[in-house]
Amino acid sequence: MGKLFPSRKCGKVLTLTNQNSREILITSRFKKDLAQLAKRYRSIRKDLNPLIEQLQKGELIGMFLGYLNEFPDHWTQGVDLEDLKENLADLYKIFTSEEIPGIKRVAEFELA
């Protein structure tokens, strides 16, 4: 596949290994920050290659995060979308049962 950061001037990285590959766009801010970091961390370009390759393959990295609109101060996570939905349902059940006092809840009201 070759280097994913062939030069400091690259504007985007594209791999066409199969139909599921993704185009990764590199912003000018990212390139600038990467150049700064490369001064201190010499292997950063090589270290980023596995991450870029995962993204190009369409593999999701990390956790799904979410919150309930009624309770925006309380976030939860899941390893996949279904897990996140289950965790959000659990939060809703706990928060609406008023088992925990003092939970901030967003509500709408009308002025007469």
C-alpha atoms as a PDB file:
ATOM      1  CA  MET A   1       0.000   0.000   0.000  1.00  0.00           C
ATOM      2  CA  GLY A   2       2.910   2.382   0.609  1.00  0.00           C
ATOM      3  CA  LYS A   3       3.186   5.340   2.910  1.00  0.00           C
ATOM      4  CA  LEU A   4       0.034   7.181   3.782  1.00  0.00           C
ATOM      5  CA  PHE A   5       1.933  10.411   4.367  1.00  0.00           C
ATOM      6  CA  PRO A   6       4.253  10.504   1.352  1.00  0.00           C
ATOM      7  CA  SER A   7       5.080  14.172   1.851  1.00  0.00           C
ATOM      8  CA  ARG A   8       4.180  17.108   4.021  1.00  0.00           C
ATOM      9  CA  LYS A   9       2.226  18.596   1.135  1.00  0.00           C
ATOM     10  CA  CYS A  10      -0.353  15.812   0.833  1.00  0.00           C
ATOM     11  CA  GLY A  11      -3.906  17.106   0.850  1.00  0.00           C
ATOM     12  CA  LYS A  12      -5.673  13.787   0.975  1.00  0.00           C
ATOM     13  CA  VAL A  13      -4.969  10.101   1.151  1.00  0.00           C
ATOM     14  CA  LEU A  14      -6.847   7.638  -1.016  1.00  0.00           C
ATOM     15  CA  THR A  15      -6.525   3.889  -1.168  1.00  0.00           C
ATOM     16  CA  LEU A  16      -8.439   1.912  -3.769  1.00  0.00           C
ATOM     17  CA  THR A  17      -7.849  -1.619  -2.504  1.00  0.00           C
ATOM     18  CA  ASN A  18     -11.535  -2.632  -2.661  1.00  0.00           C
ATOM     19  CA  GLN A  19     -15.067  -1.252  -2.929  1.00  0.00           C
ATOM     20  CA  ASN A  20     -15.261  -0.561   0.813  1.00  0.00           C
ATOM     21  CA  SER A  21     -12.260   1.784   0.949  1.00  0.00           C
ATOM     22  CA  ARG A  22     -12.733   5.357   2.126  1.00  0.00           C
ATOM     23  CA  GLU A  23     -11.136   8.622   1.161  1.00  0.00           C
ATOM     24  CA  ILE A  24      -9.466  10.324   4.101  1.00  0.00           C
ATOM     25  CA  LEU A  25      -9.282  14.098   3.757  1.00  0.00           C
ATOM     26  CA  ILE A  26      -6.443  15.814   5.588  1.00  0.00           C
ATOM     27  CA  THR A  27      -7.139  19.426   6.576  1.00  0.00           C
ATOM     28  CA  SER A  28      -4.493  22.098   6.420  1.00  0.00           C
ATOM     29  CA  ARG A  29      -4.799  22.485  10.213  1.00  0.00           C
ATOM     30  CA  PHE A  30      -4.114  18.762  10.677  1.00  0.00           C
ATOM     31  CA  LYS A  31      -1.071  18.958   8.397  1.00  0.00           C
ATOM     32  CA  LYS A  32       0.246  21.975  10.309  1.00  0.00           C
ATOM     33  CA  ASP A  33      -0.278  20.297  13.692  1.00  0.00           C
ATOM     34  CA  LEU A  34       1.246  17.066  12.403  1.00  0.00           C
ATOM     35  CA  ALA A  35       4.345  18.921  11.208  1.00  0.00           C
ATOM     36  CA  GLN A  36       4.719  20.501  14.657  1.00  0.00           C
ATOM     37  CA  LEU A  37       4.262  17.162  16.424  1.00  0.00           C
ATOM     38  CA  ALA A  38       6.693  15.451  14.054  1.00  0.00           C
ATOM     39  CA  LYS A  39       9.460  17.704  15.356  1.00  0.00           C
ATOM     40  CA  ARG A  40       9.059  16.241  18.825  1.00  0.00           C
ATOM     41  CA  TYR A  41       7.712  12.783  17.961  1.00  0.00           C
ATOM     42  CA  ARG A  42       9.724  11.550  14.991  1.00  0.00           C
ATOM     43  CA  SER A  43       7.624   8.414  14.401  1.00  0.00           C
ATOM     44  CA  ILE A  44       4.189  10.064  14.454  1.00  0.00           C
ATOM     45  CA  ARG A  45       3.591   9.672  10.705  1.00  0.00           C
ATOM     46  CA  LYS A  46       4.413   5.969  10.927  1.00  0.00           C
ATOM     47  CA  ASP A  47       2.314   5.644  14.097  1.00  0.00           C
ATOM     48  CA  LEU A  48      -0.730   7.166  12.373  1.00  0.00           C
ATOM     49  CA  ASN A  49      -0.623   4.722   9.441  1.00  0.00           C
ATOM     50  CA  PRO A  50      -2.567   1.905  11.207  1.00  0.00           C
ATOM     51  CA  LEU A  51      -5.271   4.385  12.250  1.00  0.00           C
ATOM     52  CA  ILE A  52      -5.597   5.775   8.725  1.00  0.00           C
ATOM     53  CA  GLU A  53      -5.723   2.255   7.284  1.00  0.00           C
ATOM     54  CA  GLN A  54      -8.546   1.301   9.670  1.00  0.00           C
ATOM     55  CA  LEU A  55     -10.514   4.397   8.703  1.00  0.00           C
ATOM     56  CA  GLN A  56      -9.952   3.714   4.996  1.00  0.00           C
ATOM     57  CA  LYS A  57     -11.334   0.201   5.424  1.00  0.00           C
ATOM     58  CA  GLY A  58     -14.456   1.685   6.993  1.00  0.00           C
ATOM     59  CA  GLU A  59     -13.740   0.204  10.416  1.00  0.00           C
ATOM     60  CA  LEU A  60     -15.196   2.258  13.220  1.00  0.00           C
ATOM     61  CA  ILE A  61     -12.758   3.174  15.926  1.00  0.00           C
ATOM     62  CA  GLY A  62     -13.817   3.805  19.489  1.00  0.00           C
ATOM     63  CA  MET A  63     -17.173   3.909  21.203  1.00  0.00           C
ATOM     64  CA  PHE A  64     -20.578   5.316  20.285  1.00  0.00           C
ATOM     65  CA  LEU A  65     -21.550   8.261  22.504  1.00  0.00           C
ATOM     66  CA  GLY A  66     -25.020   9.630  23.113  1.00  0.00           C
ATOM     67  CA  TYR A  67     -27.397  11.421  25.456  1.00  0.00           C
ATOM     68  CA  LEU A  68     -31.114  11.928  25.911  1.00  0.00           C
ATOM     69  CA  ASN A  69     -32.545  15.285  24.819  1.00  0.00           C
ATOM     70  CA  GLU A  70     -34.426  15.587  28.122  1.00  0.00           C
ATOM     71  CA  PHE A  71     -31.243  14.940  30.111  1.00  0.00           C
ATOM     72  CA  PRO A  72     -28.421  16.561  28.099  1.00  0.00           C
ATOM     73  CA  ASP A  73     -25.970  16.656  31.013  1.00  0.00           C
ATOM     74  CA  HIS A  74     -25.735  12.866  31.193  1.00  0.00           C
ATOM     75  CA  TRP A  75     -23.895  11.044  28.413  1.00  0.00           C
ATOM     76  CA  THR A  76     -23.437   7.311  27.967  1.00  0.00           C
ATOM     77  CA  GLN A  77     -21.539   5.076  25.585  1.00  0.00           C
ATOM     78  CA  GLY A  78     -21.787   1.739  23.801  1.00  0.00           C
ATOM     79  CA  VAL A  79     -19.483  -0.549  21.869  1.00  0.00           C
ATOM     80  CA  ASP A  80     -21.975  -0.448  18.985  1.00  0.00           C
ATOM     81  CA  LEU A  81     -25.201   1.377  18.171  1.00  0.00           C
ATOM     82  CA  GLU A  82     -27.426  -1.288  19.755  1.00  0.00           C
ATOM     83  CA  ASP A  83     -25.414  -1.174  22.987  1.00  0.00           C
ATOM     84  CA  LEU A  84     -25.720   2.618  23.043  1.00  0.00           C
ATOM     85  CA  LYS A  85     -29.498   2.404  22.568  1.00  0.00           C
ATOM     86  CA  GLU A  86     -29.767  -0.082  25.443  1.00  0.00           C
ATOM     87  CA  ASN A  87     -27.699   2.161  27.703  1.00  0.00           C
ATOM     88  CA  LEU A  88     -29.808   5.191  26.775  1.00  0.00           C
ATOM     89  CA  ALA A  89     -32.997   3.237  27.533  1.00  0.00           C
ATOM     90  CA  ASP A  90     -31.556   2.266  30.931  1.00  0.00           C
ATOM     91  CA  LEU A  91     -30.712   5.900  31.684  1.00  0.00           C
ATOM     92  CA  TYR A  92     -34.201   7.011  30.704  1.00  0.00           C
ATOM     93  CA  LYS A  93     -35.755   4.388  32.947  1.00  0.00           C
ATOM     94  CA  ILE A  94     -33.589   5.410  35.910  1.00  0.00           C
ATOM     95  CA  PHE A  95     -34.008   9.169  35.423  1.00  0.00           C
ATOM     96  CA  THR A  96     -37.788   9.081  34.924  1.00  0.00           C
ATOM     97  CA  SER A  97     -38.319   6.826  37.938  1.00  0.00           C
ATOM     98  CA  GLU A  98     -36.838   9.623  40.086  1.00  0.00           C
ATOM     99  CA  GLU A  99     -34.618   7.147  41.950  1.00  0.00           C
ATOM    100  CA  ILE A 100     -31.848   9.711  41.761  1.00  0.00           C
ATOM    101  CA  PRO A 101     -32.847  13.123  43.158  1.00  0.00           C
ATOM    102  CA  GLY A 102     -31.663  16.358  41.562  1.00  0.00           C
ATOM    103  CA  ILE A 103     -31.266  15.185  37.973  1.00  0.00           C
ATOM    104  CA  LYS A 104     -31.452  18.239  35.701  1.00  0.00           C
ATOM    105  CA  ARG A 105     -34.221  17.773  33.143  1.00  0.00           C
ATOM    106  CA  VAL A 106     -34.966  19.937  30.115  1.00  0.00           C
ATOM    107  CA  ALA A 107     -38.633  20.723  29.575  1.00  0.00           C
ATOM    108  CA  GLU A 108     -40.714  23.009  27.379  1.00  0.00           C
ATOM    109  CA  PHE A 109     -43.366  25.368  28.642  1.00  0.00           C
ATOM    110  CA  GLU A 110     -45.665  27.992  27.165  1.00  0.00           C
ATOM    111  CA  LEU A 111     -46.286  31.458  28.504  1.00  0.00           C
ATOM    112  CA  ALA A 112     -49.947  32.405  28.610  1.00  0.00           C
END
